[in-house]
């Protein structure tokens, strides 16, 4: 059962990473006017370069920046929800 769970996790992570790279490459190919294959190579090369050049320190600081951004956006959403009259009345009880 552990092997099935581990394999499922690895396969789904690989698929998710493929989707992320493909989505970024699609946008990059439109912006640069290149083929999608070249855009995928560019995205992967930049990701590998960024990770190796900065090492784990770069990855950790990127995660910190994402965490701060998500915390800020979560606060924005909660403030907006509180401004909705029905939601505000429901939450204040």
N, C-alpha and C. Protein backbone atom coordinates (compact mmCIF):
# COMPACT_ATOMS: atom_id res chain seq x y z
N UNK A 1 0.82 -1.19 0.00
CA UNK A 1 0.00 0.00 0.00
C UNK A 1 0.86 1.26 0.00
N UNK A 2 1.98 1.22 0.76
CA UNK A 2 2.88 2.38 0.78
C UNK A 2 3.46 2.66 -0.59
N UNK A 3 3.83 1.60 -1.28
CA UNK A 3 4.42 1.77 -2.61
C UNK A 3 3.42 2.39 -3.57
N UNK A 4 2.16 1.99 -3.47
CA UNK A 4 1.13 2.56 -4.34
C UNK A 4 0.93 4.03 -4.02
N UNK A 5 0.88 4.37 -2.74
CA UNK A 5 0.71 5.76 -2.33
C UNK A 5 1.89 6.60 -2.77
N UNK A 6 3.09 6.09 -2.57
CA UNK A 6 4.29 6.84 -2.97
C UNK A 6 4.34 7.03 -4.48
N UNK A 7 4.01 5.98 -5.21
CA UNK A 7 4.01 6.07 -6.67
C UNK A 7 2.96 7.05 -7.16
N UNK A 8 1.78 7.01 -6.57
CA UNK A 8 0.72 7.94 -6.95
C UNK A 8 1.16 9.38 -6.67
N UNK A 9 1.77 9.60 -5.53
CA UNK A 9 2.25 10.94 -5.19
C UNK A 9 3.26 11.42 -6.22
N UNK A 10 4.23 10.59 -6.54
CA UNK A 10 5.28 10.99 -7.49
C UNK A 10 4.72 11.25 -8.88
N UNK A 11 3.80 10.41 -9.31
CA UNK A 11 3.21 10.59 -10.64
C UNK A 11 2.39 11.88 -10.70
N UNK A 12 1.58 12.13 -9.67
CA UNK A 12 0.77 13.35 -9.69
C UNK A 12 1.63 14.60 -9.57
N UNK A 13 2.74 14.54 -8.82
CA UNK A 13 3.65 15.68 -8.73
C UNK A 13 4.30 15.94 -10.08
N UNK A 14 4.69 14.88 -10.78
CA UNK A 14 5.31 15.04 -12.09
C UNK A 14 4.32 15.64 -13.09
N UNK A 15 3.08 15.18 -13.05
CA UNK A 15 2.06 15.74 -13.94
C UNK A 15 1.81 17.21 -13.61
N UNK A 16 1.72 17.53 -12.33
CA UNK A 16 1.49 18.93 -11.92
C UNK A 16 2.64 19.82 -12.37
N UNK A 17 3.85 19.35 -12.22
CA UNK A 17 5.00 20.16 -12.66
C UNK A 17 5.00 20.33 -14.17
N UNK A 18 4.61 19.30 -14.88
CA UNK A 18 4.50 19.40 -16.33
C UNK A 18 3.46 20.44 -16.75
N UNK A 19 2.35 20.46 -16.05
CA UNK A 19 1.31 21.45 -16.36
C UNK A 19 1.82 22.86 -16.08
N UNK A 20 2.53 23.04 -14.97
CA UNK A 20 3.07 24.37 -14.64
C UNK A 20 4.07 24.83 -15.70
N UNK A 21 4.99 23.97 -16.07
CA UNK A 21 5.99 24.33 -17.08
C UNK A 21 5.31 24.62 -18.42
N UNK A 22 4.33 23.80 -18.78
CA UNK A 22 3.63 24.01 -20.05
C UNK A 22 2.86 25.33 -20.06
N UNK A 23 2.22 25.67 -18.95
CA UNK A 23 1.45 26.91 -18.89
C UNK A 23 2.37 28.12 -19.01
N UNK A 24 3.48 28.10 -18.29
CA UNK A 24 4.42 29.22 -18.37
C UNK A 24 5.03 29.28 -19.76
N UNK A 25 5.37 28.14 -20.32
CA UNK A 25 5.97 28.11 -21.66
C UNK A 25 4.98 28.60 -22.72
N UNK A 26 3.72 28.30 -22.56
CA UNK A 26 2.72 28.77 -23.52
C UNK A 26 2.66 30.30 -23.53
N UNK A 27 2.63 30.88 -22.36
CA UNK A 27 2.63 32.35 -22.26
C UNK A 27 3.92 32.92 -22.84
N UNK A 28 5.04 32.31 -22.49
CA UNK A 28 6.34 32.78 -22.99
C UNK A 28 6.43 32.68 -24.50
N UNK A 29 5.90 31.60 -25.06
CA UNK A 29 5.96 31.44 -26.53
C UNK A 29 5.13 32.51 -27.24
N UNK A 30 4.01 32.90 -26.63
CA UNK A 30 3.20 33.96 -27.23
C UNK A 30 3.90 35.30 -27.11
N UNK A 31 4.48 35.57 -25.94
CA UNK A 31 5.15 36.85 -25.72
C UNK A 31 6.38 36.99 -26.60
N UNK A 32 7.19 35.94 -26.69
CA UNK A 32 8.42 36.00 -27.48
C UNK A 32 8.22 35.65 -28.94
N UNK A 33 7.09 35.06 -29.27
CA UNK A 33 6.83 34.66 -30.65
C UNK A 33 7.66 33.46 -31.07
N UNK A 34 7.96 32.57 -30.14
CA UNK A 34 8.75 31.38 -30.45
C UNK A 34 7.86 30.15 -30.43
N UNK A 35 8.46 29.01 -30.74
CA UNK A 35 7.70 27.76 -30.66
C UNK A 35 7.52 27.36 -29.20
N UNK A 36 6.54 26.52 -28.96
CA UNK A 36 6.30 26.07 -27.59
C UNK A 36 7.44 25.19 -27.07
N UNK A 37 8.04 24.39 -27.95
CA UNK A 37 9.15 23.54 -27.54
C UNK A 37 10.34 24.38 -27.08
N UNK A 38 10.65 25.43 -27.82
CA UNK A 38 11.75 26.31 -27.42
C UNK A 38 11.42 27.02 -26.11
N UNK A 39 10.18 27.42 -25.94
CA UNK A 39 9.76 28.08 -24.70
C UNK A 39 9.89 27.13 -23.51
N UNK A 40 9.55 25.86 -23.69
CA UNK A 40 9.71 24.87 -22.62
C UNK A 40 11.18 24.73 -22.24
N UNK A 41 12.04 24.66 -23.23
CA UNK A 41 13.48 24.56 -22.97
C UNK A 41 13.97 25.80 -22.22
N UNK A 42 13.50 26.98 -22.62
CA UNK A 42 13.90 28.22 -21.94
C UNK A 42 13.45 28.21 -20.49
N UNK A 43 12.20 27.82 -20.25
CA UNK A 43 11.67 27.80 -18.88
C UNK A 43 12.46 26.82 -18.02
N UNK A 44 12.71 25.64 -18.52
CA UNK A 44 13.45 24.63 -17.75
C UNK A 44 14.88 25.11 -17.50
N UNK A 45 15.52 25.68 -18.52
CA UNK A 45 16.89 26.15 -18.35
C UNK A 45 16.97 27.26 -17.31
N UNK A 46 16.03 28.19 -17.36
CA UNK A 46 16.03 29.28 -16.37
C UNK A 46 15.76 28.76 -14.96
N UNK A 47 14.87 27.78 -14.84
CA UNK A 47 14.58 27.20 -13.54
C UNK A 47 15.79 26.48 -12.96
N UNK A 48 16.46 25.69 -13.78
CA UNK A 48 17.65 24.97 -13.32
C UNK A 48 18.75 25.96 -12.96
N UNK A 49 18.97 26.97 -13.80
CA UNK A 49 19.99 27.98 -13.53
C UNK A 49 19.70 28.71 -12.23
N UNK A 50 18.46 29.13 -12.05
CA UNK A 50 18.06 29.85 -10.84
C UNK A 50 18.28 28.99 -9.59
N UNK A 51 17.92 27.74 -9.67
CA UNK A 51 18.05 26.85 -8.52
C UNK A 51 19.52 26.56 -8.21
N UNK A 52 20.30 26.24 -9.25
CA UNK A 52 21.71 25.94 -9.01
C UNK A 52 22.50 27.17 -8.61
N UNK A 53 22.21 28.30 -9.21
CA UNK A 53 22.95 29.53 -8.90
C UNK A 53 22.67 30.00 -7.47
N UNK A 54 21.41 30.00 -7.10
CA UNK A 54 21.05 30.47 -5.77
C UNK A 54 21.00 29.36 -4.74
N UNK A 55 20.90 28.13 -5.20
CA UNK A 55 20.83 27.00 -4.30
C UNK A 55 19.54 26.99 -3.49
N UNK A 56 19.58 26.31 -2.39
CA UNK A 56 18.40 26.20 -1.53
C UNK A 56 18.02 27.56 -0.96
N UNK A 57 18.98 28.43 -0.78
CA UNK A 57 18.69 29.76 -0.26
C UNK A 57 17.70 30.49 -1.18
N UNK A 58 17.90 30.38 -2.48
CA UNK A 58 16.99 31.03 -3.42
C UNK A 58 15.61 30.40 -3.37
N UNK A 59 15.56 29.10 -3.26
CA UNK A 59 14.28 28.40 -3.20
C UNK A 59 13.53 28.78 -1.93
N UNK A 60 14.24 28.82 -0.80
CA UNK A 60 13.59 29.17 0.47
C UNK A 60 13.08 30.60 0.44
N UNK A 61 13.87 31.54 -0.06
CA UNK A 61 13.42 32.94 -0.10
C UNK A 61 12.24 33.12 -1.05
N UNK A 62 12.21 32.34 -2.12
CA UNK A 62 11.05 32.38 -3.01
C UNK A 62 9.81 31.89 -2.28
N UNK A 63 9.96 30.82 -1.50
CA UNK A 63 8.83 30.32 -0.70
C UNK A 63 8.38 31.34 0.34
N UNK A 64 9.32 32.04 0.95
CA UNK A 64 8.97 33.08 1.91
C UNK A 64 8.17 34.19 1.23
N UNK A 65 8.63 34.61 0.06
CA UNK A 65 7.91 35.66 -0.68
C UNK A 65 6.49 35.20 -1.04
N UNK A 66 6.35 33.95 -1.47
CA UNK A 66 5.02 33.42 -1.79
C UNK A 66 4.13 33.38 -0.56
N UNK A 67 4.69 32.98 0.57
CA UNK A 67 3.92 32.92 1.81
C UNK A 67 3.42 34.31 2.19
N UNK A 68 4.29 35.30 2.11
CA UNK A 68 3.88 36.68 2.43
C UNK A 68 2.80 37.16 1.48
N UNK A 69 2.95 36.84 0.19
CA UNK A 69 1.96 37.25 -0.80
C UNK A 69 0.61 36.59 -0.53
N UNK A 70 0.63 35.29 -0.22
CA UNK A 70 -0.62 34.59 0.05
C UNK A 70 -1.29 35.09 1.33
N UNK A 71 -0.48 35.38 2.35
CA UNK A 71 -1.05 35.94 3.57
C UNK A 71 -1.72 37.27 3.31
N UNK A 72 -1.08 38.10 2.52
CA UNK A 72 -1.65 39.41 2.18
C UNK A 72 -2.96 39.25 1.42
N UNK A 73 -2.96 38.37 0.45
CA UNK A 73 -4.17 38.16 -0.36
C UNK A 73 -5.30 37.55 0.46
N UNK A 74 -4.96 36.67 1.39
CA UNK A 74 -5.98 36.10 2.25
C UNK A 74 -6.63 37.21 3.09
N UNK A 75 -5.82 38.12 3.60
CA UNK A 75 -6.35 39.25 4.35
C UNK A 75 -7.24 40.14 3.48
N UNK A 76 -6.82 40.36 2.23
CA UNK A 76 -7.64 41.16 1.30
C UNK A 76 -9.00 40.51 1.07
N UNK A 77 -9.00 39.20 0.87
CA UNK A 77 -10.25 38.48 0.62
C UNK A 77 -11.16 38.57 1.85
N UNK A 78 -10.59 38.39 3.03
CA UNK A 78 -11.41 38.46 4.24
C UNK A 78 -11.99 39.87 4.43
N UNK A 79 -11.20 40.90 4.13
CA UNK A 79 -11.71 42.27 4.22
C UNK A 79 -12.84 42.51 3.21
N UNK A 80 -12.68 41.99 2.01
CA UNK A 80 -13.73 42.14 1.01
C UNK A 80 -14.99 41.39 1.41
N UNK A 81 -14.83 40.19 1.95
CA UNK A 81 -15.99 39.43 2.40
C UNK A 81 -16.71 40.15 3.54
N UNK A 82 -15.95 40.80 4.38
CA UNK A 82 -16.55 41.51 5.51
C UNK A 82 -17.36 42.72 5.04
N UNK A 83 -17.01 43.27 3.88
CA UNK A 83 -17.73 44.43 3.35
C UNK A 83 -19.07 44.06 2.72
N UNK A 84 -19.27 42.79 2.40
CA UNK A 84 -20.55 42.36 1.85
C UNK A 84 -21.57 42.37 2.98
N UNK A 85 -22.68 43.09 2.83
CA UNK A 85 -23.61 43.24 3.95
C UNK A 85 -24.08 41.91 4.55
N UNK A 86 -24.50 40.98 3.74
CA UNK A 86 -25.00 39.71 4.26
C UNK A 86 -23.89 38.93 4.94
N UNK A 87 -22.73 38.92 4.35
CA UNK A 87 -21.60 38.19 4.93
C UNK A 87 -21.14 38.88 6.22
N UNK A 88 -21.11 40.20 6.22
CA UNK A 88 -20.70 40.92 7.41
C UNK A 88 -21.62 40.67 8.57
N UNK A 89 -22.92 40.63 8.31
CA UNK A 89 -23.88 40.39 9.38
C UNK A 89 -23.75 38.96 9.89
N UNK A 90 -23.52 38.05 8.99
CA UNK A 90 -23.39 36.64 9.38
C UNK A 90 -22.13 36.41 10.20
N UNK A 91 -21.04 37.07 9.85
CA UNK A 91 -19.76 36.86 10.52
C UNK A 91 -19.69 37.58 11.87
N UNK A 92 -20.49 38.65 12.03
CA UNK A 92 -20.38 39.40 13.26
C UNK A 92 -21.15 38.78 14.42
N UNK A 93 -21.96 37.78 14.15
CA UNK A 93 -22.73 37.13 15.22
C UNK A 93 -21.90 36.24 16.05
